[in-house]
N, C-alpha and C. Protein backbone atom coordinates (compact mmCIF):
# COMPACT_ATOMS: atom_id res chain seq x y z
N MET A 1 36.00 -336.88 64.52
CA MET A 1 36.85 -337.77 64.70
C MET A 1 37.65 -338.43 63.49
N LYS A 2 37.03 -338.55 62.84
CA LYS A 2 36.77 -339.32 60.48
C LYS A 2 37.07 -338.00 60.08
N ARG A 3 37.26 -336.59 60.36
CA ARG A 3 38.31 -335.55 59.80
C ARG A 3 39.81 -335.87 60.60
N ILE A 4 39.92 -336.44 61.60
CA ILE A 4 41.59 -336.39 62.12
C ILE A 4 42.05 -337.87 61.30
N ALA A 5 41.04 -338.20 61.33
CA ALA A 5 41.73 -340.36 60.83
C ALA A 5 42.26 -340.20 59.58
N LEU A 6 41.61 -339.21 58.79
CA LEU A 6 41.83 -338.71 57.20
C LEU A 6 42.82 -337.94 56.62
N LEU A 7 43.19 -336.99 57.78
CA LEU A 7 43.97 -336.06 57.53
C LEU A 7 45.14 -337.14 58.02
N SER A 8 45.14 -338.14 59.32
CA SER A 8 46.26 -338.38 59.27
C SER A 8 46.86 -339.30 58.23
N LEU A 9 45.57 -340.16 57.68
CA LEU A 9 46.14 -341.21 56.72
C LEU A 9 46.63 -340.44 55.39
N LEU A 10 45.69 -338.90 55.17
CA LEU A 10 46.37 -338.55 53.92
C LEU A 10 48.05 -338.07 53.58
N LEU A 11 48.52 -337.56 55.32
CA LEU A 11 50.06 -337.58 55.88
C LEU A 11 50.52 -338.26 55.67
N LEU A 12 50.20 -339.79 56.14
CA LEU A 12 50.76 -340.72 55.76
C LEU A 12 51.35 -341.11 54.64
N THR A 13 50.43 -341.56 53.60
CA THR A 13 50.60 -341.38 52.78
C THR A 13 51.39 -340.54 51.74
N GLY A 14 50.88 -339.34 52.21
CA GLY A 14 52.09 -338.25 51.91
C GLY A 14 53.28 -338.47 51.83
N LEU A 15 54.00 -338.79 53.11
CA LEU A 15 55.14 -339.16 54.03
C LEU A 15 55.92 -340.86 53.37
N LEU A 16 54.97 -341.43 52.83
CA LEU A 16 55.33 -342.41 52.68
C LEU A 16 55.77 -342.18 51.03
N SER A 17 54.99 -341.88 50.21
CA SER A 17 55.30 -341.76 48.89
C SER A 17 56.67 -340.77 48.85
N GLY A 18 56.69 -340.04 49.33
CA GLY A 18 57.79 -338.98 49.81
C GLY A 18 59.40 -340.40 49.35
N CYS A 19 59.34 -341.52 50.50
CA CYS A 19 60.26 -342.34 50.73
C CYS A 19 60.50 -343.25 49.92
N ALA A 20 59.32 -342.86 48.93
CA ALA A 20 59.25 -344.56 47.94
C ALA A 20 59.94 -343.15 46.64
N SER A 21 59.68 -342.03 46.44
CA SER A 21 60.28 -341.80 45.11
C SER A 21 62.20 -340.96 45.38
N THR A 22 62.66 -341.32 46.30
CA THR A 22 64.29 -341.41 46.70
C THR A 22 64.97 -342.83 47.62
N TRP A 23 66.11 -342.26 47.52
CA TRP A 23 66.83 -343.58 47.84
C TRP A 23 68.48 -343.39 48.08
N MET A 24 68.70 -344.31 48.76
CA MET A 24 70.50 -342.92 49.39
C MET A 24 71.16 -344.17 48.48
N VAL A 25 72.35 -343.94 48.03
CA VAL A 25 73.41 -343.98 47.54
C VAL A 25 74.54 -344.27 48.40
N ASP A 26 75.18 -344.48 49.29
CA ASP A 26 76.01 -344.56 50.32
C ASP A 26 76.99 -345.08 49.90
N SER A 27 78.58 -344.11 49.49
CA SER A 27 79.70 -344.66 49.02
C SER A 27 80.99 -344.51 50.26
N LYS A 28 81.43 -345.53 50.35
CA LYS A 28 82.59 -345.52 51.53
C LYS A 28 84.02 -344.96 49.86
N VAL A 29 84.87 -343.39 50.75
CA VAL A 29 84.97 -342.74 49.48
C VAL A 29 86.77 -342.46 49.90
N GLN A 30 87.58 -343.07 49.47
CA GLN A 30 88.59 -341.90 50.19
C GLN A 30 89.97 -341.97 48.96
N THR A 31 90.32 -340.43 48.84
CA THR A 31 90.77 -339.25 48.00
C THR A 31 91.84 -339.05 48.93
N PHE A 32 93.16 -339.30 47.50
CA PHE A 32 94.55 -338.57 48.05
C PHE A 32 94.67 -337.15 46.90
N SER A 33 95.28 -336.26 47.36
CA SER A 33 95.41 -334.49 46.66
C SER A 33 96.45 -334.26 46.88
N SER A 34 97.40 -333.76 46.33
CA SER A 34 98.35 -332.47 46.03
C SER A 34 97.69 -331.49 45.77
N LEU A 35 96.60 -330.86 45.29
CA LEU A 35 96.16 -329.84 45.21
C LEU A 35 95.86 -328.27 45.65
N PRO A 36 96.02 -327.64 46.48
CA PRO A 36 95.48 -327.01 47.48
C PRO A 36 94.11 -326.35 47.14
N ALA A 37 93.84 -325.65 45.66
CA ALA A 37 93.11 -325.66 45.56
C ALA A 37 92.39 -326.02 44.02
N VAL A 38 90.60 -325.65 43.45
CA VAL A 38 90.42 -326.32 41.88
C VAL A 38 91.57 -325.36 41.43
N PRO A 39 92.33 -325.94 40.71
CA PRO A 39 93.02 -324.93 39.58
C PRO A 39 92.63 -323.64 38.44
N ALA A 40 93.24 -323.33 38.12
CA ALA A 40 92.82 -322.09 36.81
C ALA A 40 92.69 -322.58 36.09
N ASN A 41 91.47 -322.46 35.15
CA ASN A 41 92.01 -322.12 34.27
C ASN A 41 91.71 -324.72 33.63
N ALA A 42 91.18 -324.99 34.55
CA ALA A 42 90.74 -326.11 35.09
C ALA A 42 90.20 -327.17 33.62
N ALA A 43 91.04 -326.75 32.47
CA ALA A 43 90.63 -327.91 31.22
C ALA A 43 91.60 -329.27 31.76
N TYR A 44 90.33 -329.83 31.06
CA TYR A 44 90.91 -331.48 31.36
C TYR A 44 90.82 -332.59 29.74
N ARG A 45 91.23 -333.43 29.90
CA ARG A 45 90.96 -334.35 28.64
C ARG A 45 90.85 -335.85 29.23
N PHE A 46 90.17 -336.89 28.59
CA PHE A 46 90.28 -338.25 29.12
C PHE A 46 91.42 -338.35 28.34
N GLU A 47 92.01 -339.37 30.00
CA GLU A 47 92.68 -340.43 29.12
C GLU A 47 92.71 -341.50 29.68
N ARG A 48 92.15 -342.86 28.01
CA ARG A 48 92.00 -344.02 28.10
C ARG A 48 93.27 -344.97 28.39
N LEU A 49 92.57 -345.94 29.11
CA LEU A 49 94.36 -347.28 28.61
C LEU A 49 93.83 -347.98 27.33
N PRO A 50 94.37 -349.15 27.13
CA PRO A 50 94.99 -349.98 25.82
C PRO A 50 93.06 -350.58 26.39
N SER A 51 92.84 -351.00 27.23
CA SER A 51 91.93 -351.85 27.42
C SER A 51 91.02 -351.39 27.53
N GLN A 52 90.73 -350.50 28.16
CA GLN A 52 89.65 -349.27 27.74
C GLN A 52 88.49 -348.50 26.59
N ARG A 53 90.00 -348.39 25.64
CA ARG A 53 90.35 -348.35 23.95
C ARG A 53 88.88 -349.53 23.45
N SER A 54 89.42 -351.05 24.01
CA SER A 54 88.59 -351.74 22.84
C SER A 54 87.00 -351.42 23.49
N TYR A 55 86.07 -351.39 24.46
CA TYR A 55 84.48 -350.68 25.44
C TYR A 55 84.60 -349.60 24.20
N GLY A 56 84.65 -348.54 23.79
CA GLY A 56 84.67 -347.41 23.04
C GLY A 56 83.19 -346.60 22.96
N GLU A 57 81.86 -347.84 23.03
CA GLU A 57 80.92 -347.18 23.61
C GLU A 57 80.56 -347.21 24.93
N GLN A 58 80.59 -348.38 25.79
CA GLN A 58 80.59 -347.68 26.92
C GLN A 58 82.12 -347.18 27.83
N GLN A 59 82.97 -347.08 27.46
CA GLN A 59 83.53 -345.98 27.11
C GLN A 59 82.93 -344.45 27.85
N ALA A 60 82.76 -344.25 26.48
CA ALA A 60 82.06 -343.34 26.13
C ALA A 60 80.73 -342.53 26.89
N LYS A 61 79.63 -343.69 27.33
CA LYS A 61 79.27 -343.76 28.15
C LYS A 61 79.41 -343.26 29.59
N LEU A 62 80.34 -344.13 30.08
CA LEU A 62 80.78 -343.83 31.29
C LEU A 62 81.32 -342.88 32.01
N GLU A 63 82.40 -341.98 30.69
CA GLU A 63 82.94 -340.62 30.76
C GLU A 63 82.43 -339.15 30.55
N ALA A 64 80.38 -339.61 30.01
CA ALA A 64 79.79 -339.10 30.35
C ALA A 64 79.20 -338.76 31.19
N ILE A 65 79.05 -339.58 32.55
CA ILE A 65 78.43 -339.58 33.49
C ILE A 65 79.58 -339.24 34.32
N ALA A 66 81.11 -339.57 34.63
CA ALA A 66 82.53 -338.53 34.91
C ALA A 66 82.08 -336.76 35.02
N GLU A 67 82.00 -336.61 33.39
CA GLU A 67 81.87 -335.30 33.14
C GLU A 67 81.28 -335.20 33.66
N GLN A 68 79.61 -334.94 34.07
CA GLN A 68 78.95 -334.61 34.59
C GLN A 68 79.23 -334.21 36.10
N ALA A 69 79.87 -334.86 37.16
CA ALA A 69 80.02 -335.30 38.36
C ALA A 69 81.55 -333.78 38.47
N LEU A 70 82.48 -334.25 37.17
CA LEU A 70 83.77 -333.33 36.91
C LEU A 70 82.88 -331.94 36.88
N SER A 71 82.62 -331.37 35.84
CA SER A 71 81.36 -329.98 35.80
C SER A 71 81.37 -329.53 36.82
N ARG A 72 80.49 -330.28 38.25
CA ARG A 72 79.90 -329.53 39.28
C ARG A 72 81.08 -329.40 40.23
N VAL A 73 81.95 -329.66 40.24
CA VAL A 73 83.07 -329.28 41.06
C VAL A 73 84.36 -328.22 39.74
N GLY A 74 83.90 -327.56 38.81
CA GLY A 74 84.89 -327.11 38.83
C GLY A 74 85.81 -327.37 37.34
N LEU A 75 85.94 -327.92 36.97
CA LEU A 75 86.39 -328.52 36.15
C LEU A 75 86.07 -329.26 34.66
N ARG A 76 86.05 -328.83 33.67
CA ARG A 76 85.69 -328.48 32.25
C ARG A 76 85.94 -329.19 30.88
N ARG A 77 85.93 -330.22 30.05
CA ARG A 77 86.64 -330.88 29.38
C ARG A 77 86.40 -330.21 28.36
N ASP A 78 88.28 -330.64 27.70
CA ASP A 78 88.56 -329.02 26.93
C ASP A 78 90.07 -330.43 26.02
N ASP A 79 89.79 -331.31 25.52
CA ASP A 79 90.47 -331.91 24.99
C ASP A 79 91.51 -331.19 23.76
N ALA A 80 91.52 -330.01 23.48
CA ALA A 80 92.18 -329.38 22.92
C ALA A 80 93.49 -328.11 23.63
N ALA A 81 92.82 -327.55 24.88
CA ALA A 81 93.35 -327.16 25.93
C ALA A 81 93.42 -327.64 26.98
N ALA A 82 93.51 -328.90 27.54
CA ALA A 82 93.47 -329.44 28.32
C ALA A 82 94.42 -329.29 29.07
N ARG A 83 94.84 -328.91 30.33
CA ARG A 83 96.12 -328.82 31.50
C ARG A 83 96.09 -330.17 32.42
N LEU A 84 94.48 -330.61 32.69
CA LEU A 84 95.04 -332.35 33.11
C LEU A 84 94.25 -333.03 32.68
N SER A 85 94.90 -334.34 32.80
CA SER A 85 94.09 -335.63 31.72
C SER A 85 93.54 -336.27 33.21
N VAL A 86 92.22 -337.17 32.68
CA VAL A 86 91.41 -338.11 33.80
C VAL A 86 91.39 -339.00 33.16
N GLN A 87 91.53 -340.24 34.07
CA GLN A 87 90.91 -341.63 33.65
C GLN A 87 90.54 -341.97 34.79
N ILE A 88 89.38 -342.49 34.31
CA ILE A 88 88.21 -343.61 34.95
C ILE A 88 87.95 -344.90 35.31
N GLY A 89 87.64 -344.97 36.11
CA GLY A 89 87.11 -346.67 36.21
C GLY A 89 86.30 -347.24 36.42
N ALA A 90 85.35 -348.18 36.15
CA ALA A 90 84.85 -348.23 36.65
C ALA A 90 84.56 -349.79 36.74
N ARG A 91 84.31 -350.57 37.83
CA ARG A 91 83.50 -351.92 37.85
C ARG A 91 82.47 -352.14 39.13
N ALA A 92 82.46 -353.38 38.64
CA ALA A 92 80.53 -354.03 38.88
C ALA A 92 80.87 -355.41 39.29
N GLN A 93 80.54 -356.36 40.17
CA GLN A 93 80.67 -357.12 40.28
C GLN A 93 79.03 -358.12 41.02
N ARG A 94 78.57 -358.93 40.85
CA ARG A 94 77.40 -359.64 41.69
C ARG A 94 78.28 -360.65 42.71
N GLU A 95 77.55 -360.45 43.88
CA GLU A 95 78.23 -361.26 45.17
C GLU A 95 76.57 -362.24 45.96
N ALA A 96 76.90 -362.43 46.67
CA ALA A 96 76.12 -363.01 47.04
C ALA A 96 75.58 -362.55 48.26
N SER A 97 73.95 -362.35 48.41
CA SER A 97 73.77 -360.48 49.44
C SER A 97 74.11 -361.22 50.84
N PRO A 98 74.82 -360.17 51.60
CA PRO A 98 75.08 -360.89 52.85
C PRO A 98 74.14 -361.55 53.75
N TRP A 99 72.19 -361.38 52.93
CA TRP A 99 71.54 -362.08 53.86
C TRP A 99 71.37 -363.55 53.01
N GLN A 100 71.74 -364.34 51.88
CA GLN A 100 71.13 -364.98 52.13
C GLN A 100 71.86 -366.15 52.34
N ASP A 101 71.17 -367.24 52.22
CA ASP A 101 71.10 -368.51 53.18
C ASP A 101 72.17 -369.40 51.89
N THR A 102 72.98 -369.83 52.99
CA THR A 102 74.63 -369.99 52.24
C THR A 102 74.55 -372.09 51.90
N TRP A 103 73.28 -372.21 52.67
CA TRP A 103 72.96 -373.54 52.26
C TRP A 103 72.06 -373.86 51.23
N PRO A 104 72.86 -374.18 50.43
CA PRO A 104 72.04 -374.82 48.57
C PRO A 104 70.67 -375.36 48.53
N GLY A 105 70.15 -375.70 47.55
CA GLY A 105 68.82 -376.56 47.20
C GLY A 105 67.68 -375.93 48.43
N MET A 106 66.65 -376.76 48.38
CA MET A 106 65.28 -376.20 48.92
C MET A 106 65.30 -376.15 50.54
N GLY A 107 64.90 -375.58 51.02
CA GLY A 107 64.78 -375.55 52.63
C GLY A 107 63.26 -375.29 53.36
N GLY A 108 63.55 -375.71 54.03
CA GLY A 108 61.98 -375.96 55.22
C GLY A 108 61.47 -374.91 56.28
N ASP A 109 60.59 -374.77 56.72
CA ASP A 109 61.42 -373.91 57.74
C ASP A 109 60.38 -374.47 59.09
N TYR A 110 60.58 -373.98 60.40
CA TYR A 110 59.57 -374.52 61.39
C TYR A 110 58.69 -373.11 61.77
N THR A 111 57.92 -373.97 62.24
CA THR A 111 56.65 -372.70 63.42
C THR A 111 56.38 -373.36 64.66
N VAL A 112 56.54 -372.24 65.69
CA VAL A 112 56.56 -373.11 66.86
C VAL A 112 55.27 -372.37 66.84
N THR A 113 53.53 -373.04 67.39
CA THR A 113 52.22 -372.26 67.99
C THR A 113 52.42 -371.65 69.30
N ALA A 114 51.57 -371.33 69.13
CA ALA A 114 51.29 -371.00 70.52
C ALA A 114 51.39 -372.49 72.05
N THR A 115 50.87 -373.39 71.58
CA THR A 115 51.00 -374.32 72.24
C THR A 115 51.92 -375.23 72.97
N GLY A 116 53.13 -374.24 71.77
CA GLY A 116 54.80 -375.97 71.83
C GLY A 116 55.16 -376.34 70.93
N GLN A 117 53.74 -376.34 69.79
CA GLN A 117 53.83 -377.72 68.59
C GLN A 117 54.90 -377.06 68.09
N ILE A 118 56.09 -378.45 67.46
CA ILE A 118 55.91 -377.77 66.42
C ILE A 118 56.29 -377.91 65.15
N VAL A 119 55.99 -376.94 64.14
CA VAL A 119 54.92 -377.41 62.85
C VAL A 119 56.32 -377.15 61.36
N TRP A 120 56.20 -378.08 61.32
CA TRP A 120 57.57 -377.90 60.10
C TRP A 120 56.46 -377.27 58.60
N THR A 121 57.60 -376.77 58.19
CA THR A 121 56.91 -375.84 56.74
C THR A 121 57.07 -376.83 55.17
N GLN A 122 56.58 -376.90 54.46
CA GLN A 122 57.06 -377.51 53.07
C GLN A 122 58.45 -375.89 52.55
N PRO A 123 59.17 -377.00 52.25
CA PRO A 123 60.32 -376.42 51.55
C PRO A 123 60.17 -376.01 50.57
N PHE A 124 60.35 -374.32 50.26
CA PHE A 124 59.97 -373.81 48.85
C PHE A 124 61.50 -373.81 48.14
N ALA A 125 61.58 -373.22 47.08
CA ALA A 125 62.98 -372.47 46.53
C ALA A 125 62.98 -371.64 46.70
N ARG A 126 64.50 -370.94 46.79
CA ARG A 126 64.68 -370.14 47.88
C ARG A 126 64.71 -368.85 46.85
N PRO A 127 64.21 -367.75 46.49
CA PRO A 127 65.04 -367.16 45.83
C PRO A 127 66.49 -366.27 46.10
N GLU A 128 66.84 -366.14 45.17
CA GLU A 128 68.69 -365.79 45.61
C GLU A 128 67.57 -364.16 44.90
N LEU A 129 68.71 -363.50 46.03
CA LEU A 129 68.86 -361.75 46.71
C LEU A 129 69.63 -361.39 45.66
N PRO A 130 69.22 -360.16 44.36
CA PRO A 130 71.17 -359.78 44.44
C PRO A 130 71.65 -359.06 45.05
N TRP A 131 72.91 -358.78 44.77
CA TRP A 131 73.42 -358.01 45.22
C TRP A 131 74.98 -357.37 44.93
N PHE A 132 74.99 -355.89 44.69
CA PHE A 132 76.38 -355.71 43.89
C PHE A 132 76.71 -355.30 44.91
N ARG A 133 78.32 -355.41 44.40
CA ARG A 133 79.49 -354.61 44.63
C ARG A 133 80.18 -353.74 43.53
N ARG A 134 79.95 -352.18 44.06
CA ARG A 134 80.64 -351.67 42.80
C ARG A 134 81.39 -350.57 42.77
N GLU A 135 81.92 -350.29 42.57
CA GLU A 135 84.20 -349.16 42.19
C GLU A 135 84.18 -348.84 41.19
N VAL A 136 84.06 -346.71 41.63
CA VAL A 136 84.74 -346.23 40.91
C VAL A 136 85.93 -345.49 41.29
N SER A 137 86.13 -344.61 40.04
CA SER A 137 88.26 -344.53 40.29
C SER A 137 88.35 -343.29 39.79
N LEU A 138 89.12 -342.12 40.06
CA LEU A 138 89.58 -341.37 39.50
C LEU A 138 90.45 -341.11 39.31
N ILE A 139 91.61 -340.77 38.44
CA ILE A 139 93.19 -340.27 38.57
C ILE A 139 92.83 -338.96 38.26
N ILE A 140 93.41 -338.20 38.43
CA ILE A 140 93.79 -336.43 37.54
C ILE A 140 95.14 -336.35 37.71
N ARG A 141 95.70 -336.12 36.49
CA ARG A 141 96.91 -335.66 36.18
C ARG A 141 97.66 -334.65 35.69
N ASP A 142 98.84 -334.16 35.97
CA ASP A 142 98.94 -332.24 35.57
C ASP A 142 99.81 -333.11 34.34
N LEU A 143 98.95 -332.25 33.19
CA LEU A 143 99.73 -332.49 32.00
C LEU A 143 101.42 -331.58 31.74
N GLY A 144 101.57 -330.54 32.67
CA GLY A 144 102.23 -329.71 32.94
C GLY A 144 103.72 -330.43 33.41
N ASN A 145 103.86 -331.93 34.61
CA ASN A 145 104.51 -332.64 35.20
C ASN A 145 104.63 -333.50 35.07
N ASN A 146 103.11 -334.14 34.24
CA ASN A 146 102.58 -335.80 34.30
C ASN A 146 102.71 -336.22 35.70
N GLN A 147 102.42 -335.15 36.79
CA GLN A 147 102.39 -336.32 38.22
C GLN A 147 100.99 -336.15 38.76
N ILE A 148 100.94 -337.37 39.32
CA ILE A 148 99.43 -337.38 39.66
C ILE A 148 98.88 -336.37 40.30
N ALA A 149 97.77 -335.76 40.51
CA ALA A 149 97.50 -334.27 41.30
C ALA A 149 95.99 -334.95 42.29
N TYR A 150 95.66 -335.74 41.89
CA TYR A 150 94.17 -336.60 42.98
C TYR A 150 93.71 -337.67 42.51
N GLU A 151 93.24 -338.47 43.25
CA GLU A 151 93.23 -339.69 43.00
C GLU A 151 91.91 -340.20 44.10
N THR A 152 90.84 -341.24 43.83
CA THR A 152 89.59 -341.24 44.70
C THR A 152 89.12 -342.13 44.09
N LEU A 153 88.84 -343.38 45.51
CA LEU A 153 87.67 -344.33 44.75
C LEU A 153 86.82 -343.61 45.54
N ALA A 154 85.93 -344.56 44.79
CA ALA A 154 84.34 -344.51 46.12
C ALA A 154 83.49 -346.52 45.58
N VAL A 155 83.34 -346.39 47.09
CA VAL A 155 83.11 -348.29 47.11
C VAL A 155 81.26 -347.70 46.91
N HIS A 156 80.55 -348.93 46.98
CA HIS A 156 79.16 -349.06 46.66
C HIS A 156 78.76 -350.40 47.06
N GLU A 157 78.42 -350.86 47.68
CA GLU A 157 77.52 -352.39 47.85
C GLU A 157 76.00 -352.18 48.22
N GLY A 158 75.33 -352.67 47.32
CA GLY A 158 73.96 -353.03 47.58
C GLY A 158 73.13 -353.46 46.93
N ARG A 159 71.07 -353.85 46.60
CA ARG A 159 70.91 -354.44 45.96
C ARG A 159 70.71 -354.31 44.91
N TRP A 160 70.81 -352.72 44.49
CA TRP A 160 71.10 -352.12 43.16
C TRP A 160 70.98 -352.72 41.70
N ALA A 161 70.77 -353.21 40.92
CA ALA A 161 70.92 -353.23 39.41
C ALA A 161 70.82 -352.40 38.48
N ASP A 162 70.09 -351.39 38.79
CA ASP A 162 70.56 -350.22 37.88
C ASP A 162 71.55 -349.13 38.09
N SER A 163 72.64 -349.75 36.57
CA SER A 163 74.30 -348.79 37.21
C SER A 163 73.70 -347.18 36.59
N THR A 164 73.04 -347.81 35.74
CA THR A 164 72.36 -346.03 34.88
C THR A 164 72.55 -344.47 36.32
N LEU A 165 71.66 -345.21 37.01
CA LEU A 165 71.02 -345.02 38.50
C LEU A 165 72.41 -344.19 39.77
N VAL A 166 73.07 -345.47 39.82
CA VAL A 166 73.79 -346.20 40.84
C VAL A 166 75.27 -344.74 40.39
N LEU A 167 75.97 -345.47 39.18
CA LEU A 167 76.99 -344.59 38.91
C LEU A 167 77.21 -342.91 39.29
N PRO A 168 75.74 -342.43 38.37
CA PRO A 168 76.37 -341.24 38.51
C PRO A 168 76.18 -340.52 40.56
N ALA A 169 75.95 -341.23 40.87
CA ALA A 169 75.93 -340.76 42.46
C ALA A 169 77.23 -341.49 42.74
N MET A 170 78.11 -342.12 42.92
CA MET A 170 78.91 -342.58 43.18
C MET A 170 80.56 -341.83 42.55
N TYR A 171 79.81 -341.32 41.57
CA TYR A 171 81.49 -340.29 40.96
C TYR A 171 80.78 -338.65 41.72
N GLU A 172 79.76 -338.48 42.11
CA GLU A 172 79.64 -337.47 42.85
C GLU A 172 80.16 -337.89 43.83
N ALA A 173 79.65 -339.21 44.73
CA ALA A 173 81.11 -338.88 46.20
C ALA A 173 81.96 -339.10 45.81
N ALA A 174 82.73 -339.17 45.24
CA ALA A 174 83.41 -340.12 44.57
C ALA A 174 84.20 -338.43 44.80
N LEU A 175 83.72 -337.05 44.36
CA LEU A 175 84.71 -336.10 44.11
C LEU A 175 84.02 -334.91 44.70
N ARG A 176 83.34 -335.56 46.64
CA ARG A 176 82.97 -334.62 46.99
C ARG A 176 84.34 -334.00 47.84
N ASP A 177 83.96 -332.70 48.28
CA ASP A 177 85.23 -331.75 49.03
C ASP A 177 85.86 -331.80 47.92
N PHE A 178 86.05 -332.17 46.17
CA PHE A 178 87.46 -331.94 45.37
C PHE A 178 87.84 -330.74 45.76
N PRO A 179 89.42 -330.18 46.26
CA PRO A 179 90.65 -331.02 45.75
C PRO A 179 91.17 -332.00 47.23
N GLN A 180 90.41 -331.19 47.95
CA GLN A 180 90.89 -331.86 49.35
C GLN A 180 90.84 -333.26 49.33
N ALA A 181 91.64 -333.60 50.22
CA ALA A 181 91.74 -335.32 50.81
C ALA A 181 91.03 -335.59 51.59
N THR A 182 90.82 -336.83 52.04
CA THR A 182 89.69 -337.48 53.56
C THR A 182 91.54 -337.42 54.01
N GLN A 183 90.75 -338.05 54.78
CA GLN A 183 91.58 -338.39 56.24
C GLN A 183 91.08 -340.18 56.47
N GLY A 184 91.60 -341.55 55.49
CA GLY A 184 91.05 -342.12 56.01
C GLY A 184 89.74 -342.60 54.81
N VAL A 185 88.98 -343.71 55.17
CA VAL A 185 88.41 -343.72 54.59
C VAL A 185 86.83 -342.84 55.24
N LYS A 186 86.48 -342.26 54.41
CA LYS A 186 84.72 -341.88 55.04
C LYS A 186 83.17 -342.52 54.20
N LYS A 187 82.56 -341.99 54.37
CA LYS A 187 81.29 -342.48 53.60
C LYS A 187 80.10 -341.34 53.30
N VAL A 188 80.22 -341.21 52.64
CA VAL A 188 79.26 -340.20 51.75
C VAL A 188 77.90 -340.76 51.27
N ASN A 189 76.95 -340.07 51.25
CA ASN A 189 75.49 -340.16 51.19
C ASN A 189 75.15 -339.31 50.08
N ILE A 190 74.71 -339.68 48.25
CA ILE A 190 74.34 -339.29 48.05
C ILE A 190 72.85 -339.81 48.17
N THR A 191 71.39 -338.55 48.01
CA THR A 191 70.57 -338.71 47.91
C THR A 191 70.39 -339.18 46.15
N VAL A 192 68.78 -340.65 45.37
CA VAL A 192 68.66 -340.52 44.00
C VAL A 192 67.38 -340.39 43.87
N PRO A 193 67.14 -339.48 43.22
CA PRO A 193 65.13 -339.54 42.64
C PRO A 193 65.44 -341.07 41.46
N LEU A 194 64.12 -341.54 42.46
CA LEU A 194 63.76 -343.44 41.73
C LEU A 194 63.12 -342.42 40.52
N ARG A 195 63.55 -343.04 38.83
CA ARG A 195 62.36 -343.18 37.43
C ARG A 195 61.16 -342.85 38.01
């Protein structure tokens, strides 16, 4: 009997450690495409808006993240021989959590005992629960005719503050099924290993 209990405990520990080593970034993705397939010799360069040029180092980090996702779908960066331009964007905003109590200040609570008595508990400061809304976008333009060939937007809401883990998963989600367009908004789940 002890062996079964020990084996069950080890199995449960293994399952729980597996759950704790990864988490999922769920993004709502919408894409628009005029590309029938990945273009041959699909070389691209990044195109920066004037507002993005003032954030040189941050923009370069964001481009490095997007470059990894673009290479997974068959596009390669070649600034000198580019046939496509890629304009990227990212936005993160801290918002009130959907589970956050909107009543400000200190709060008390009550408990009903087994005898039906109501006991008021001490009011304590309520911790603020972090919640972030992030958006990433890519616009791929054909440099031959200056037409937009592909556009995608991915939105993720969650409590994870570490953008270095969330943004790569969001760009991967945004390019899922490239170059096909989505019919409306679709949910894309990307599993991310925790550090």
